[in-house]
Amino acid sequence: MPDAAQYRIESPDCVVDFFYAPRTCVFCDGAVHADPEVQQRDRAIREQLRQQGYEVIALNTERPLPEQIQGYGAVFGKVG
């Protein structure tokens, strides 16, 4: 289970859908994230987070969840 939901990070100014301590940010991207302007903003924020030492995981709500989280066993546990 995440340590927090809708977790605010001050710099860069963003709200993470789910936060796992100490430094893992999970974003759940729905249809609004298909907009090119939103995608550009997302890329910039997520790159800043990575540069600050956060692990960033972006999940797409349009794709099956199990296939997206398989590579993140340390965060989500065993799939299946």
N, C-alpha and C. Protein backbone atom coordinates (compact mmCIF):
# COMPACT_ATOMS: atom_id res chain seq x y z
N MET A 1 0.85 -1.19 0.00
CA MET A 1 0.00 0.00 0.00
C MET A 1 0.89 1.25 0.00
N PRO A 2 0.44 2.29 -0.67
CA PRO A 2 1.23 3.52 -0.67
C PRO A 2 1.24 4.17 0.70
N ASP A 3 2.24 5.00 0.92
CA ASP A 3 2.33 5.74 2.18
C ASP A 3 1.42 6.96 2.17
N ALA A 4 1.11 7.47 0.97
CA ALA A 4 0.23 8.64 0.86
C ALA A 4 -0.42 8.66 -0.51
N ALA A 5 -1.60 9.26 -0.57
CA ALA A 5 -2.29 9.50 -1.83
C ALA A 5 -2.46 11.01 -1.98
N GLN A 6 -2.42 11.46 -3.22
CA GLN A 6 -2.52 12.89 -3.51
C GLN A 6 -1.47 13.66 -2.70
N TYR A 7 -0.25 13.22 -2.82
CA TYR A 7 0.89 13.74 -2.04
C TYR A 7 1.50 14.95 -2.74
N ARG A 8 1.55 16.07 -2.05
CA ARG A 8 2.08 17.30 -2.63
C ARG A 8 3.60 17.36 -2.45
N ILE A 9 4.27 17.67 -3.55
CA ILE A 9 5.71 17.94 -3.53
C ILE A 9 5.87 19.41 -3.92
N GLU A 10 6.65 20.13 -3.14
CA GLU A 10 6.78 21.58 -3.35
C GLU A 10 7.62 21.94 -4.57
N SER A 11 8.70 21.19 -4.80
CA SER A 11 9.57 21.53 -5.91
C SER A 11 10.02 20.26 -6.61
N PRO A 12 9.57 20.03 -7.83
CA PRO A 12 8.67 20.88 -8.60
C PRO A 12 7.25 20.79 -8.03
N ASP A 13 6.51 21.84 -8.19
CA ASP A 13 5.16 21.92 -7.65
C ASP A 13 4.27 20.91 -8.38
N CYS A 14 3.92 19.83 -7.66
CA CYS A 14 3.06 18.80 -8.26
C CYS A 14 2.37 18.02 -7.16
N VAL A 15 1.35 17.29 -7.58
CA VAL A 15 0.66 16.37 -6.68
C VAL A 15 0.82 14.98 -7.28
N VAL A 16 1.39 14.09 -6.50
CA VAL A 16 1.64 12.71 -6.92
C VAL A 16 0.41 11.89 -6.54
N ASP A 17 -0.07 11.07 -7.47
CA ASP A 17 -1.26 10.26 -7.16
C ASP A 17 -1.00 9.35 -5.97
N PHE A 18 0.13 8.64 -5.99
CA PHE A 18 0.50 7.77 -4.87
C PHE A 18 1.98 7.94 -4.59
N PHE A 19 2.32 7.98 -3.30
CA PHE A 19 3.71 8.16 -2.88
C PHE A 19 4.11 7.00 -1.99
N TYR A 20 5.26 6.41 -2.31
CA TYR A 20 5.84 5.34 -1.51
C TYR A 20 7.15 5.86 -0.94
N ALA A 21 7.26 5.89 0.39
CA ALA A 21 8.48 6.36 1.02
C ALA A 21 9.61 5.39 0.72
N PRO A 22 10.82 5.84 0.54
CA PRO A 22 11.19 7.22 0.79
C PRO A 22 11.07 8.15 -0.42
N ARG A 23 11.12 7.64 -1.68
CA ARG A 23 11.17 8.58 -2.81
C ARG A 23 10.59 8.01 -4.10
N THR A 24 9.44 7.35 -4.02
CA THR A 24 8.82 6.81 -5.23
C THR A 24 7.49 7.50 -5.49
N CYS A 25 7.37 8.05 -6.68
CA CYS A 25 6.17 8.77 -7.10
C CYS A 25 5.45 7.96 -8.17
N VAL A 26 4.16 7.74 -7.97
CA VAL A 26 3.36 7.02 -8.96
C VAL A 26 2.29 7.96 -9.48
N PHE A 27 2.28 8.13 -10.80
CA PHE A 27 1.28 8.95 -11.46
C PHE A 27 0.34 8.03 -12.23
N CYS A 28 -0.95 8.28 -12.15
CA CYS A 28 -1.96 7.53 -12.90
C CYS A 28 -2.53 8.46 -13.96
N ASP A 29 -2.13 8.22 -15.19
CA ASP A 29 -2.47 9.12 -16.29
C ASP A 29 -3.72 8.65 -17.02
N GLY A 30 -4.76 9.46 -16.94
CA GLY A 30 -5.99 9.19 -17.66
C GLY A 30 -6.02 9.94 -18.98
N ALA A 31 -7.19 10.07 -19.56
CA ALA A 31 -7.37 10.65 -20.89
C ALA A 31 -6.81 12.07 -21.01
N VAL A 32 -6.91 12.86 -19.98
CA VAL A 32 -6.44 14.25 -20.06
C VAL A 32 -4.94 14.32 -20.37
N HIS A 33 -4.22 13.28 -20.02
CA HIS A 33 -2.77 13.26 -20.23
C HIS A 33 -2.39 12.96 -21.68
N ALA A 34 -3.37 12.77 -22.54
CA ALA A 34 -3.11 12.59 -23.97
C ALA A 34 -2.93 13.93 -24.68
N ASP A 35 -3.33 15.01 -24.02
CA ASP A 35 -3.18 16.35 -24.59
C ASP A 35 -1.70 16.71 -24.67
N PRO A 36 -1.22 17.19 -25.83
CA PRO A 36 0.21 17.50 -25.99
C PRO A 36 0.75 18.50 -24.96
N GLU A 37 -0.02 19.49 -24.58
CA GLU A 37 0.45 20.45 -23.58
C GLU A 37 0.60 19.79 -22.21
N VAL A 38 -0.33 18.93 -21.87
CA VAL A 38 -0.26 18.21 -20.60
C VAL A 38 0.93 17.25 -20.62
N GLN A 39 1.14 16.58 -21.74
CA GLN A 39 2.28 15.67 -21.87
C GLN A 39 3.60 16.41 -21.69
N GLN A 40 3.69 17.59 -22.26
CA GLN A 40 4.93 18.38 -22.13
C GLN A 40 5.16 18.76 -20.66
N ARG A 41 4.11 19.21 -19.99
CA ARG A 41 4.23 19.57 -18.57
C ARG A 41 4.60 18.34 -17.74
N ASP A 42 3.94 17.21 -18.03
CA ASP A 42 4.24 15.97 -17.30
C ASP A 42 5.71 15.59 -17.46
N ARG A 43 6.21 15.63 -18.68
CA ARG A 43 7.62 15.27 -18.93
C ARG A 43 8.57 16.17 -18.13
N ALA A 44 8.30 17.46 -18.12
CA ALA A 44 9.17 18.40 -17.41
C ALA A 44 9.16 18.13 -15.90
N ILE A 45 7.99 17.97 -15.34
CA ILE A 45 7.88 17.72 -13.90
C ILE A 45 8.54 16.40 -13.52
N ARG A 46 8.29 15.37 -14.30
CA ARG A 46 8.84 14.06 -13.98
C ARG A 46 10.35 14.02 -14.13
N GLU A 47 10.87 14.74 -15.10
CA GLU A 47 12.33 14.82 -15.24
C GLU A 47 12.94 15.55 -14.05
N GLN A 48 12.31 16.61 -13.60
CA GLN A 48 12.81 17.32 -12.42
C GLN A 48 12.80 16.41 -11.20
N LEU A 49 11.74 15.64 -11.04
CA LEU A 49 11.68 14.70 -9.92
C LEU A 49 12.81 13.68 -10.00
N ARG A 50 13.05 13.14 -11.19
CA ARG A 50 14.16 12.17 -11.35
C ARG A 50 15.49 12.81 -11.01
N GLN A 51 15.69 14.04 -11.45
CA GLN A 51 16.95 14.73 -11.16
C GLN A 51 17.13 14.95 -9.66
N GLN A 52 16.05 15.00 -8.92
CA GLN A 52 16.11 15.18 -7.47
C GLN A 52 16.18 13.84 -6.73
N GLY A 53 16.27 12.76 -7.48
CA GLY A 53 16.46 11.46 -6.86
C GLY A 53 15.20 10.65 -6.62
N TYR A 54 14.07 11.09 -7.15
CA TYR A 54 12.84 10.32 -7.02
C TYR A 54 12.78 9.24 -8.09
N GLU A 55 12.19 8.12 -7.77
CA GLU A 55 11.81 7.14 -8.77
C GLU A 55 10.42 7.54 -9.25
N VAL A 56 10.23 7.62 -10.54
CA VAL A 56 8.95 8.05 -11.11
C VAL A 56 8.35 6.89 -11.90
N ILE A 57 7.11 6.56 -11.57
CA ILE A 57 6.38 5.52 -12.28
C ILE A 57 5.10 6.15 -12.81
N ALA A 58 4.89 6.06 -14.12
CA ALA A 58 3.68 6.58 -14.74
C ALA A 58 2.86 5.42 -15.27
N LEU A 59 1.65 5.31 -14.77
CA LEU A 59 0.73 4.27 -15.21
C LEU A 59 -0.34 4.91 -16.07
N ASN A 60 -0.73 4.21 -17.13
CA ASN A 60 -1.75 4.71 -18.03
C ASN A 60 -3.05 3.97 -17.74
N THR A 61 -4.10 4.71 -17.43
CA THR A 61 -5.37 4.07 -17.05
C THR A 61 -6.04 3.37 -18.22
N GLU A 62 -5.55 3.57 -19.42
CA GLU A 62 -6.14 2.93 -20.60
C GLU A 62 -5.52 1.55 -20.88
N ARG A 63 -4.46 1.20 -20.16
CA ARG A 63 -3.77 -0.09 -20.38
C ARG A 63 -3.97 -0.99 -19.17
N PRO A 64 -3.93 -2.29 -19.36
CA PRO A 64 -4.08 -3.21 -18.23
C PRO A 64 -2.99 -2.97 -17.17
N LEU A 65 -3.42 -2.85 -15.94
CA LEU A 65 -2.50 -2.55 -14.84
C LEU A 65 -1.45 -3.63 -14.62
N PRO A 66 -1.79 -4.91 -14.61
CA PRO A 66 -0.77 -5.93 -14.33
C PRO A 66 0.45 -5.86 -15.24
N GLU A 67 0.25 -5.58 -16.52
CA GLU A 67 1.41 -5.53 -17.42
C GLU A 67 2.27 -4.30 -17.17
N GLN A 68 1.69 -3.25 -16.61
CA GLN A 68 2.45 -2.03 -16.36
C GLN A 68 3.28 -2.10 -15.08
N ILE A 69 2.83 -2.86 -14.11
CA ILE A 69 3.53 -2.87 -12.82
C ILE A 69 4.49 -4.04 -12.65
N GLN A 70 4.56 -4.94 -13.62
CA GLN A 70 5.41 -6.12 -13.49
C GLN A 70 6.87 -5.80 -13.21
N GLY A 71 7.38 -4.73 -13.74
CA GLY A 71 8.79 -4.42 -13.53
C GLY A 71 9.07 -3.68 -12.24
N TYR A 72 8.06 -3.53 -11.39
CA TYR A 72 8.21 -2.75 -10.16
C TYR A 72 7.85 -3.56 -8.92
N GLY A 73 8.34 -4.79 -8.86
CA GLY A 73 8.05 -5.65 -7.72
C GLY A 73 8.46 -5.06 -6.38
N ALA A 74 9.55 -4.30 -6.36
CA ALA A 74 10.02 -3.70 -5.10
C ALA A 74 9.02 -2.68 -4.57
N VAL A 75 8.22 -2.12 -5.46
CA VAL A 75 7.22 -1.12 -5.05
C VAL A 75 5.86 -1.77 -4.81
N PHE A 76 5.39 -2.56 -5.78
CA PHE A 76 4.03 -3.07 -5.75
C PHE A 76 3.91 -4.51 -5.27
N GLY A 77 5.02 -5.19 -5.08
CA GLY A 77 4.97 -6.59 -4.68
C GLY A 77 4.78 -7.48 -5.89
N LYS A 78 4.58 -8.74 -5.61
CA LYS A 78 4.44 -9.73 -6.68
C LYS A 78 3.11 -9.54 -7.40
N VAL A 79 3.15 -9.62 -8.73
CA VAL A 79 1.95 -9.51 -9.55
C VAL A 79 1.42 -10.91 -9.81
N GLY A 80 0.10 -11.08 -9.61
CA GLY A 80 -0.53 -12.34 -9.96
C GLY A 80 -0.63 -13.31 -8.89
